[in-house]
Amino acid sequence: MERPEGRQADQLRPISFVPDIAPHATGSVLVSFGNTRVICTAMVQSGVPRWMKEQNVPGGWLTAEYSMLPYSTGGGRKPRDIARGKLDGRSSEIQRLIGRSLRAVVDLKLLEAHTAWIDCDVLQADGGTRTASITGASVACAIAFERMVAEGRLKTSPLTGHVSAVSCGVYKEEAILDLCYLEDRDASVDFNIVMTEDSQFVELQGSGEEATFSSEEMSTMLELGRKGIREIAELQRQAVHAALGDADGDAAQRLAEHFN
């Protein structure tokens, strides 16, 4: 079986992180999975939602928003949600997934009375925008929280570890890792796997596209996902260390101690 980009079945697309892409955010990164590119930012502000105050819930909160910019796809201009007067159903589902994924690795009590706003804006879509968003948002949060600690705005980083996500699927009757758009379009099975860096599952999303799949195929996709997440988590750690190392050596050292 030959993949459109010539990759092996268990091979990720080239992944990169460009930090501080949005200098006014507390933490930000441009994440690329092949030709999929997403700007992920974390802005941490004082205050918590009203429902937390009314219910006397301690700590802070984290929430996420996701959007595909009008020029992000090759199928013509994508109208902005505000032009339609309501959030696209797909975007709503994805931003809830991003929020759940990040809250799985953020100790909200350690966030104190702050709200972390995660924004993921897709610049270019070539499959896996939700998985790239989760992966990039984790890096943006790590940078943001460590900088807040360095500035004395937090006592310790509330991030307990990285969370990563990757797609798997069955394409031309073979399980493959990290689908590009052409593979995603033609796949008979589509899986999205969200895991922590210590290989704990956060969420699984899988379905057959007018097809069924066996337990053996599912097991193969899960193993491919684990392999991919391990590789992605290492790239995340390297990206955060690179972003903090030059500007704040103490923050880089704290991060190493915090995650190890």
C-alpha atoms as a PDB file:
ATOM      1  CA  MET A   1       0.000   0.000   0.000  1.00  0.00           C
ATOM      2  CA  GLU A   2       1.439   3.370  -1.024  1.00  0.00           C
ATOM      3  CA  ARG A   3       0.411   6.502   0.852  1.00  0.00           C
ATOM      4  CA  PRO A   4      -0.097   9.790  -1.056  1.00  0.00           C
ATOM      5  CA  GLU A   5       2.933  11.370   0.630  1.00  0.00           C
ATOM      6  CA  GLY A   6       5.096   8.244   0.476  1.00  0.00           C
ATOM      7  CA  ARG A   7       5.164   7.687   4.254  1.00  0.00           C
ATOM      8  CA  GLN A   8       5.280   4.341   6.011  1.00  0.00           C
ATOM      9  CA  ALA A   9       2.082   3.186   7.717  1.00  0.00           C
ATOM     10  CA  ASP A  10       3.446   4.096  11.176  1.00  0.00           C
ATOM     11  CA  GLN A  11       5.155   7.350  10.171  1.00  0.00           C
ATOM     12  CA  LEU A  12       4.057  10.787  11.345  1.00  0.00           C
ATOM     13  CA  ARG A  13       4.077  13.795   9.092  1.00  0.00           C
ATOM     14  CA  PRO A  14       6.864  16.322   9.789  1.00  0.00           C
ATOM     15  CA  ILE A  15       5.874  18.158  12.990  1.00  0.00           C
ATOM     16  CA  SER A  16       7.178  21.561  14.050  1.00  0.00           C
ATOM     17  CA  PHE A  17       6.439  24.223  16.672  1.00  0.00           C
ATOM     18  CA  VAL A  18       7.208  27.935  16.230  1.00  0.00           C
ATOM     19  CA  PRO A  19       6.830  29.657  19.636  1.00  0.00           C
ATOM     20  CA  ASP A  20       5.711  33.233  20.338  1.00  0.00           C
ATOM     21  CA  ILE A  21       3.826  33.509  17.061  1.00  0.00           C
ATOM     22  CA  ALA A  22       1.344  35.815  18.851  1.00  0.00           C
ATOM     23  CA  PRO A  23       3.457  38.069  21.112  1.00  0.00           C
ATOM     24  CA  HIS A  24       0.502  39.559  23.003  1.00  0.00           C
ATOM     25  CA  ALA A  25      -0.664  36.125  24.219  1.00  0.00           C
ATOM     26  CA  THR A  26       0.669  34.663  27.472  1.00  0.00           C
ATOM     27  CA  GLY A  27       1.922  31.690  25.457  1.00  0.00           C
ATOM     28  CA  SER A  28       1.598  30.852  21.768  1.00  0.00           C
ATOM     29  CA  VAL A  29       2.850  28.488  19.093  1.00  0.00           C
ATOM     30  CA  LEU A  30       2.361  27.806  15.403  1.00  0.00           C
ATOM     31  CA  VAL A  31       2.081  24.021  15.158  1.00  0.00           C
ATOM     32  CA  SER A  32       2.470  22.197  11.857  1.00  0.00           C
ATOM     33  CA  PHE A  33       1.562  18.601  11.081  1.00  0.00           C
ATOM     34  CA  GLY A  34       2.718  18.426   7.476  1.00  0.00           C
ATOM     35  CA  ASN A  35       0.618  20.975   5.604  1.00  0.00           C
ATOM     36  CA  THR A  36      -1.833  21.420   8.479  1.00  0.00           C
ATOM     37  CA  ARG A  37      -0.947  24.595  10.368  1.00  0.00           C
ATOM     38  CA  VAL A  38      -2.687  25.957  13.455  1.00  0.00           C
ATOM     39  CA  ILE A  39      -1.962  28.992  15.635  1.00  0.00           C
ATOM     40  CA  CYS A  40      -2.539  27.987  19.275  1.00  0.00           C
ATOM     41  CA  THR A  41      -2.551  30.626  21.988  1.00  0.00           C
ATOM     42  CA  ALA A  42      -3.079  30.645  25.739  1.00  0.00           C
ATOM     43  CA  MET A  43      -4.190  33.886  27.360  1.00  0.00           C
ATOM     44  CA  VAL A  44      -4.474  33.736  31.140  1.00  0.00           C
ATOM     45  CA  GLN A  45      -6.555  36.416  32.809  1.00  0.00           C
ATOM     46  CA  SER A  46      -7.666  37.124  36.366  1.00  0.00           C
ATOM     47  CA  GLY A  47     -11.186  36.044  37.271  1.00  0.00           C
ATOM     48  CA  VAL A  48     -13.322  32.933  36.873  1.00  0.00           C
ATOM     49  CA  PRO A  49     -16.770  32.220  35.372  1.00  0.00           C
ATOM     50  CA  ARG A  50     -19.803  33.316  37.364  1.00  0.00           C
ATOM     51  CA  TRP A  51     -20.942  29.726  37.946  1.00  0.00           C
ATOM     52  CA  MET A  52     -17.709  28.985  39.816  1.00  0.00           C
ATOM     53  CA  LYS A  53     -18.280  31.955  42.118  1.00  0.00           C
ATOM     54  CA  GLU A  54     -21.939  31.061  42.698  1.00  0.00           C
ATOM     55  CA  GLN A  55     -21.080  27.430  43.536  1.00  0.00           C
ATOM     56  CA  ASN A  56     -17.946  28.347  45.535  1.00  0.00           C
ATOM     57  CA  VAL A  57     -15.767  26.178  43.313  1.00  0.00           C
ATOM     58  CA  PRO A  58     -12.087  26.746  44.212  1.00  0.00           C
ATOM     59  CA  GLY A  59      -9.329  27.328  41.695  1.00  0.00           C
ATOM     60  CA  GLY A  60      -9.467  28.550  38.130  1.00  0.00           C
ATOM     61  CA  TRP A  61     -10.911  27.494  34.791  1.00  0.00           C
ATOM     62  CA  LEU A  62      -9.751  26.619  31.282  1.00  0.00           C
ATOM     63  CA  THR A  63     -11.843  26.916  28.150  1.00  0.00           C
ATOM     64  CA  ALA A  64     -11.110  26.668  24.429  1.00  0.00           C
ATOM     65  CA  GLU A  65     -12.269  28.138  21.138  1.00  0.00           C
ATOM     66  CA  TYR A  66     -11.539  26.757  17.655  1.00  0.00           C
ATOM     67  CA  SER A  67     -12.043  28.188  14.217  1.00  0.00           C
ATOM     68  CA  MET A  68     -10.976  27.605  10.634  1.00  0.00           C
ATOM     69  CA  LEU A  69      -9.937  30.812   8.949  1.00  0.00           C
ATOM     70  CA  PRO A  70     -11.697  31.641   5.654  1.00  0.00           C
ATOM     71  CA  TYR A  71      -8.627  30.775   3.548  1.00  0.00           C
ATOM     72  CA  SER A  72      -7.684  27.585   5.427  1.00  0.00           C
ATOM     73  CA  THR A  73      -9.143  25.091   2.949  1.00  0.00           C
ATOM     74  CA  GLY A  74      -8.785  24.519  -0.771  1.00  0.00           C
ATOM     75  CA  GLY A  75     -12.505  24.431  -1.405  1.00  0.00           C
ATOM     76  CA  GLY A  76     -13.092  28.158  -1.643  1.00  0.00           C
ATOM     77  CA  ARG A  77     -13.609  30.759   1.051  1.00  0.00           C
ATOM     78  CA  LYS A  78     -15.049  29.387   4.296  1.00  0.00           C
ATOM     79  CA  PRO A  79     -17.486  31.907   5.809  1.00  0.00           C
ATOM     80  CA  ARG A  80     -16.734  33.026   9.339  1.00  0.00           C
ATOM     81  CA  ASP A  81     -19.115  31.768  12.014  1.00  0.00           C
ATOM     82  CA  ILE A  82     -20.009  35.338  12.960  1.00  0.00           C
ATOM     83  CA  ALA A  83     -21.305  35.900   9.407  1.00  0.00           C
ATOM     84  CA  ARG A  84     -23.832  33.079   9.926  1.00  0.00           C
ATOM     85  CA  GLY A  85     -24.784  34.248  13.378  1.00  0.00           C
ATOM     86  CA  LYS A  86     -24.013  30.911  15.047  1.00  0.00           C
ATOM     87  CA  LEU A  87     -21.098  28.611  15.739  1.00  0.00           C
ATOM     88  CA  ASP A  88     -20.595  25.799  13.244  1.00  0.00           C
ATOM     89  CA  GLY A  89     -21.542  22.434  14.786  1.00  0.00           C
ATOM     90  CA  ARG A  90     -18.189  20.872  13.904  1.00  0.00           C
ATOM     91  CA  SER A  91     -16.261  23.795  15.409  1.00  0.00           C
ATOM     92  CA  SER A  92     -18.332  23.602  18.576  1.00  0.00           C
ATOM     93  CA  GLU A  93     -17.620  19.886  18.983  1.00  0.00           C
ATOM     94  CA  ILE A  94     -13.885  20.357  18.370  1.00  0.00           C
ATOM     95  CA  GLN A  95     -13.458  23.221  20.807  1.00  0.00           C
ATOM     96  CA  ARG A  96     -15.183  21.221  23.524  1.00  0.00           C
ATOM     97  CA  LEU A  97     -12.753  18.368  22.784  1.00  0.00           C
ATOM     98  CA  ILE A  98      -9.781  20.732  23.066  1.00  0.00           C
ATOM     99  CA  GLY A  99     -11.039  22.053  26.405  1.00  0.00           C
ATOM    100  CA  ARG A 100     -11.628  18.560  27.816  1.00  0.00           C
ATOM    101  CA  SER A 101      -8.203  17.421  26.664  1.00  0.00           C
ATOM    102  CA  LEU A 102      -6.356  20.315  28.295  1.00  0.00           C
ATOM    103  CA  ARG A 103      -8.330  20.119  31.531  1.00  0.00           C
ATOM    104  CA  ALA A 104      -7.217  16.496  31.838  1.00  0.00           C
ATOM    105  CA  VAL A 105      -3.632  17.695  32.400  1.00  0.00           C
ATOM    106  CA  VAL A 106      -4.251  21.002  34.197  1.00  0.00           C
ATOM    107  CA  ASP A 107      -4.734  21.130  37.961  1.00  0.00           C
ATOM    108  CA  LEU A 108      -7.377  23.844  38.080  1.00  0.00           C
ATOM    109  CA  LYS A 109      -6.811  24.476  41.777  1.00  0.00           C
ATOM    110  CA  LEU A 110      -3.201  25.432  41.053  1.00  0.00           C
ATOM    111  CA  LEU A 111      -4.456  27.836  38.382  1.00  0.00           C
ATOM    112  CA  GLU A 112      -5.856  29.830  41.322  1.00  0.00           C
ATOM    113  CA  ALA A 113      -8.424  32.502  40.439  1.00  0.00           C
ATOM    114  CA  HIS A 114      -7.495  32.702  36.757  1.00  0.00           C
ATOM    115  CA  THR A 115      -9.152  31.693  33.494  1.00  0.00           C
ATOM    116  CA  ALA A 116      -6.994  30.255  30.736  1.00  0.00           C
ATOM    117  CA  TRP A 117      -8.436  31.003  27.296  1.00  0.00           C
ATOM    118  CA  ILE A 118      -7.170  28.629  24.615  1.00  0.00           C
ATOM    119  CA  ASP A 119      -7.643  29.773  21.015  1.00  0.00           C
ATOM    120  CA  CYS A 120      -6.877  27.503  18.065  1.00  0.00           C
ATOM    121  CA  ASP A 121      -7.103  29.122  14.623  1.00  0.00           C
ATOM    122  CA  VAL A 122      -6.486  26.941  11.591  1.00  0.00           C
ATOM    123  CA  LEU A 123      -4.336  28.660   8.969  1.00  0.00           C
ATOM    124  CA  GLN A 124      -4.167  25.693   6.608  1.00  0.00           C
ATOM    125  CA  ALA A 125      -6.128  22.453   6.774  1.00  0.00           C
ATOM    126  CA  ASP A 126      -4.767  19.196   5.383  1.00  0.00           C
ATOM    127  CA  GLY A 127      -6.307  16.700   7.794  1.00  0.00           C
ATOM    128  CA  GLY A 128      -5.966  16.400  11.567  1.00  0.00           C
ATOM    129  CA  THR A 129      -6.769  19.978  12.549  1.00  0.00           C
ATOM    130  CA  ARG A 130      -8.291  18.919  15.873  1.00  0.00           C
ATOM    131  CA  THR A 131      -5.339  16.725  16.799  1.00  0.00           C
ATOM    132  CA  ALA A 132      -2.856  19.439  15.831  1.00  0.00           C
ATOM    133  CA  SER A 133      -4.860  21.965  17.881  1.00  0.00           C
ATOM    134  CA  ILE A 134      -4.731  19.842  21.037  1.00  0.00           C
ATOM    135  CA  THR A 135      -1.020  19.167  20.592  1.00  0.00           C
ATOM    136  CA  GLY A 136      -0.153  22.813  19.972  1.00  0.00           C
ATOM    137  CA  ALA A 137      -2.410  24.074  22.753  1.00  0.00           C
ATOM    138  CA  SER A 138      -0.547  21.903  25.261  1.00  0.00           C
ATOM    139  CA  VAL A 139       2.733  23.562  24.252  1.00  0.00           C
ATOM    140  CA  ALA A 140       1.173  27.031  24.423  1.00  0.00           C
ATOM    141  CA  CYS A 141      -0.131  26.299  27.932  1.00  0.00           C
ATOM    142  CA  ALA A 142       3.232  25.023  29.139  1.00  0.00           C
ATOM    143  CA  ILE A 143       4.940  28.196  27.926  1.00  0.00           C
ATOM    144  CA  ALA A 144       2.238  30.444  29.395  1.00  0.00           C
ATOM    145  CA  PHE A 145       2.151  28.823  32.827  1.00  0.00           C
ATOM    146  CA  GLU A 146       5.935  28.716  33.215  1.00  0.00           C
ATOM    147  CA  ARG A 147       6.191  32.386  32.324  1.00  0.00           C
ATOM    148  CA  MET A 148       3.526  33.198  34.906  1.00  0.00           C
ATOM    149  CA  VAL A 149       5.529  31.330  37.538  1.00  0.00           C
ATOM    150  CA  ALA A 150       8.667  33.237  36.545  1.00  0.00           C
ATOM    151  CA  GLU A 151       6.737  36.513  36.881  1.00  0.00           C
ATOM    152  CA  GLY A 152       5.328  35.542  40.278  1.00  0.00           C
ATOM    153  CA  ARG A 153       1.738  35.359  39.025  1.00  0.00           C
ATOM    154  CA  LEU A 154       1.468  31.652  39.906  1.00  0.00           C
ATOM    155  CA  LYS A 155       3.181  29.680  42.672  1.00  0.00           C
ATOM    156  CA  THR A 156       3.685  26.619  40.453  1.00  0.00           C
ATOM    157  CA  SER A 157       2.664  25.491  36.995  1.00  0.00           C
ATOM    158  CA  PRO A 158      -0.751  23.784  36.996  1.00  0.00           C
ATOM    159  CA  LEU A 159       0.227  21.662  33.979  1.00  0.00           C
ATOM    160  CA  THR A 160       0.806  18.090  35.165  1.00  0.00           C
ATOM    161  CA  GLY A 161       2.181  16.882  31.825  1.00  0.00           C
ATOM    162  CA  HIS A 162       1.642  17.223  28.107  1.00  0.00           C
ATOM    163  CA  VAL A 163      -1.435  16.010  26.276  1.00  0.00           C
ATOM    164  CA  SER A 164      -1.120  15.033  22.626  1.00  0.00           C
ATOM    165  CA  ALA A 165      -3.444  13.847  19.890  1.00  0.00           C
ATOM    166  CA  VAL A 166      -3.082  12.042  16.603  1.00  0.00           C
ATOM    167  CA  SER A 167      -5.319  10.516  13.969  1.00  0.00           C
ATOM    168  CA  CYS A 168      -5.311   6.910  12.810  1.00  0.00           C
ATOM    169  CA  GLY A 169      -7.424   5.143  10.243  1.00  0.00           C
ATOM    170  CA  VAL A 170      -7.891   2.290   7.835  1.00  0.00           C
ATOM    171  CA  TYR A 171      -6.858   3.358   4.351  1.00  0.00           C
ATOM    172  CA  LYS A 172      -6.838   0.906   1.454  1.00  0.00           C
ATOM    173  CA  GLU A 173      -7.432  -1.901   3.966  1.00  0.00           C
ATOM    174  CA  GLU A 174      -4.363  -1.025   6.069  1.00  0.00           C
ATOM    175  CA  ALA A 175      -4.144   0.782   9.417  1.00  0.00           C
ATOM    176  CA  ILE A 176      -2.118   3.998   9.158  1.00  0.00           C
ATOM    177  CA  LEU A 177      -0.989   6.840  11.436  1.00  0.00           C
ATOM    178  CA  ASP A 178      -1.578  10.595  11.097  1.00  0.00           C
ATOM    179  CA  LEU A 179      -3.860  10.926   8.078  1.00  0.00           C
ATOM    180  CA  CYS A 180      -3.517  13.784   5.609  1.00  0.00           C
ATOM    181  CA  TYR A 181      -6.655  15.121   3.921  1.00  0.00           C
ATOM    182  CA  LEU A 182      -6.603  12.708   0.978  1.00  0.00           C
ATOM    183  CA  GLU A 183      -6.246   9.729   3.325  1.00  0.00           C
ATOM    184  CA  ASP A 184      -8.906  11.057   5.674  1.00  0.00           C
ATOM    185  CA  ARG A 185     -11.284  11.594   2.756  1.00  0.00           C
ATOM    186  CA  ASP A 186     -10.908   8.041   1.457  1.00  0.00           C
ATOM    187  CA  ALA A 187     -10.424   6.168   4.751  1.00  0.00           C
ATOM    188  CA  SER A 188     -12.933   3.456   5.623  1.00  0.00           C
ATOM    189  CA  VAL A 189     -12.281   4.003   9.350  1.00  0.00           C
ATOM    190  CA  ASP A 190     -11.334   7.237  11.092  1.00  0.00           C
ATOM    191  CA  PHE A 191      -9.918   7.416  14.638  1.00  0.00           C
ATOM    192  CA  ASN A 192      -8.744  10.350  16.762  1.00  0.00           C
ATOM    193  CA  ILE A 193      -6.710   9.442  19.826  1.00  0.00           C
ATOM    194  CA  VAL A 194      -5.953  11.824  22.708  1.00  0.00           C
ATOM    195  CA  MET A 195      -3.414  10.687  25.297  1.00  0.00           C
ATOM    196  CA  THR A 196      -1.201  12.058  28.029  1.00  0.00           C
ATOM    197  CA  GLU A 197       2.555  11.789  27.696  1.00  0.00           C
ATOM    198  CA  ASP A 198       2.549   8.842  30.124  1.00  0.00           C
ATOM    199  CA  SER A 199       0.266   6.904  27.729  1.00  0.00           C
ATOM    200  CA  GLN A 200      -3.027   7.405  29.566  1.00  0.00           C
ATOM    201  CA  PHE A 201      -6.087   7.781  27.355  1.00  0.00           C
ATOM    202  CA  VAL A 202      -8.050  11.028  27.522  1.00  0.00           C
ATOM    203  CA  GLU A 203     -10.488  10.440  24.664  1.00  0.00           C
ATOM    204  CA  LEU A 204     -11.079   8.138  21.718  1.00  0.00           C
ATOM    205  CA  GLN A 205     -13.199   9.083  18.715  1.00  0.00           C
ATOM    206  CA  GLY A 206     -13.647   6.386  16.115  1.00  0.00           C
ATOM    207  CA  SER A 207     -16.133   5.443  13.455  1.00  0.00           C
ATOM    208  CA  GLY A 208     -16.497   3.493  10.253  1.00  0.00           C
ATOM    209  CA  GLU A 209     -17.226   5.492   7.126  1.00  0.00           C
ATOM    210  CA  GLU A 210     -19.970   3.306   5.634  1.00  0.00           C
ATOM    211  CA  ALA A 211     -17.839   0.420   6.851  1.00  0.00           C
ATOM    212  CA  THR A 212     -17.137  -1.685   9.910  1.00  0.00           C
ATOM    213  CA  PHE A 213     -13.838  -2.531  11.596  1.00  0.00           C
ATOM    214  CA  SER A 214     -12.613  -5.478  13.615  1.00  0.00           C
ATOM    215  CA  SER A 215     -11.148  -5.595  17.117  1.00  0.00           C
ATOM    216  CA  GLU A 216      -7.814  -6.470  15.523  1.00  0.00           C
ATOM    217  CA  GLU A 217      -7.919  -3.338  13.371  1.00  0.00           C
ATOM    218  CA  MET A 218      -8.848  -1.253  16.385  1.00  0.00           C
ATOM    219  CA  SER A 219      -5.964  -2.706  18.400  1.00  0.00           C
ATOM    220  CA  THR A 220      -3.568  -1.924  15.562  1.00  0.00           C
ATOM    221  CA  MET A 221      -4.789   1.672  15.372  1.00  0.00           C
ATOM    222  CA  LEU A 222      -4.417   2.085  19.134  1.00  0.00           C
ATOM    223  CA  GLU A 223      -0.849   0.807  19.002  1.00  0.00           C
ATOM    224  CA  LEU A 224      -0.077   3.168  16.120  1.00  0.00           C
ATOM    225  CA  GLY A 225      -1.590   5.982  18.167  1.00  0.00           C
ATOM    226  CA  ARG A 226       0.543   5.153  21.212  1.00  0.00           C
ATOM    227  CA  LYS A 227       3.667   5.139  19.085  1.00  0.00           C
ATOM    228  CA  GLY A 228       2.769   8.472  17.527  1.00  0.00           C
ATOM    229  CA  ILE A 229       1.914  10.080  20.875  1.00  0.00           C
ATOM    230  CA  ARG A 230       5.270   9.044  22.351  1.00  0.00           C
ATOM    231  CA  GLU A 231       7.073  10.708  19.463  1.00  0.00           C
ATOM    232  CA  ILE A 232       4.869  13.820  19.600  1.00  0.00           C
ATOM    233  CA  ALA A 233       5.304  14.206  23.380  1.00  0.00           C
ATOM    234  CA  GLU A 234       9.079  14.292  22.978  1.00  0.00           C
ATOM    235  CA  LEU A 235       8.756  16.991  20.307  1.00  0.00           C
ATOM    236  CA  GLN A 236       6.476  18.975  22.639  1.00  0.00           C
ATOM    237  CA  ARG A 237       9.035  18.832  25.451  1.00  0.00           C
ATOM    238  CA  GLN A 238      11.798  19.961  23.115  1.00  0.00           C
ATOM    239  CA  ALA A 239       9.662  22.845  21.834  1.00  0.00           C
ATOM    240  CA  VAL A 240       8.859  24.141  25.325  1.00  0.00           C
ATOM    241  CA  HIS A 241      12.481  23.893  26.472  1.00  0.00           C
ATOM    242  CA  ALA A 242      13.612  25.760  23.346  1.00  0.00           C
ATOM    243  CA  ALA A 243      11.006  28.484  23.894  1.00  0.00           C
ATOM    244  CA  LEU A 244      11.914  29.014  27.563  1.00  0.00           C
ATOM    245  CA  GLY A 245      15.590  28.104  27.592  1.00  0.00           C
ATOM    246  CA  ASP A 246      17.103  31.247  26.088  1.00  0.00           C
ATOM    247  CA  ALA A 247      14.792  33.733  27.748  1.00  0.00           C
ATOM    248  CA  ASP A 248      14.458  32.094  31.174  1.00  0.00           C
ATOM    249  CA  GLY A 249      16.861  29.342  32.172  1.00  0.00           C
ATOM    250  CA  ASP A 250      15.209  28.994  35.581  1.00  0.00           C
ATOM    251  CA  ALA A 251      11.849  28.303  33.929  1.00  0.00           C
ATOM    252  CA  ALA A 252      13.398  25.639  31.726  1.00  0.00           C
ATOM    253  CA  GLN A 253      14.940  23.976  34.770  1.00  0.00           C
ATOM    254  CA  ARG A 254      11.644  24.092  36.686  1.00  0.00           C
ATOM    255  CA  LEU A 255       9.886  22.541  33.706  1.00  0.00           C
ATOM    256  CA  ALA A 256      12.381  19.675  33.566  1.00  0.00           C
ATOM    257  CA  GLU A 257      11.909  18.984  37.280  1.00  0.00           C
ATOM    258  CA  HIS A 258       8.125  19.360  37.038  1.00  0.00           C
ATOM    259  CA  PHE A 259       7.642  16.830  34.233  1.00  0.00           C
ATOM    260  CA  ASN A 260      10.315  14.308  35.289  1.00  0.00           C
END
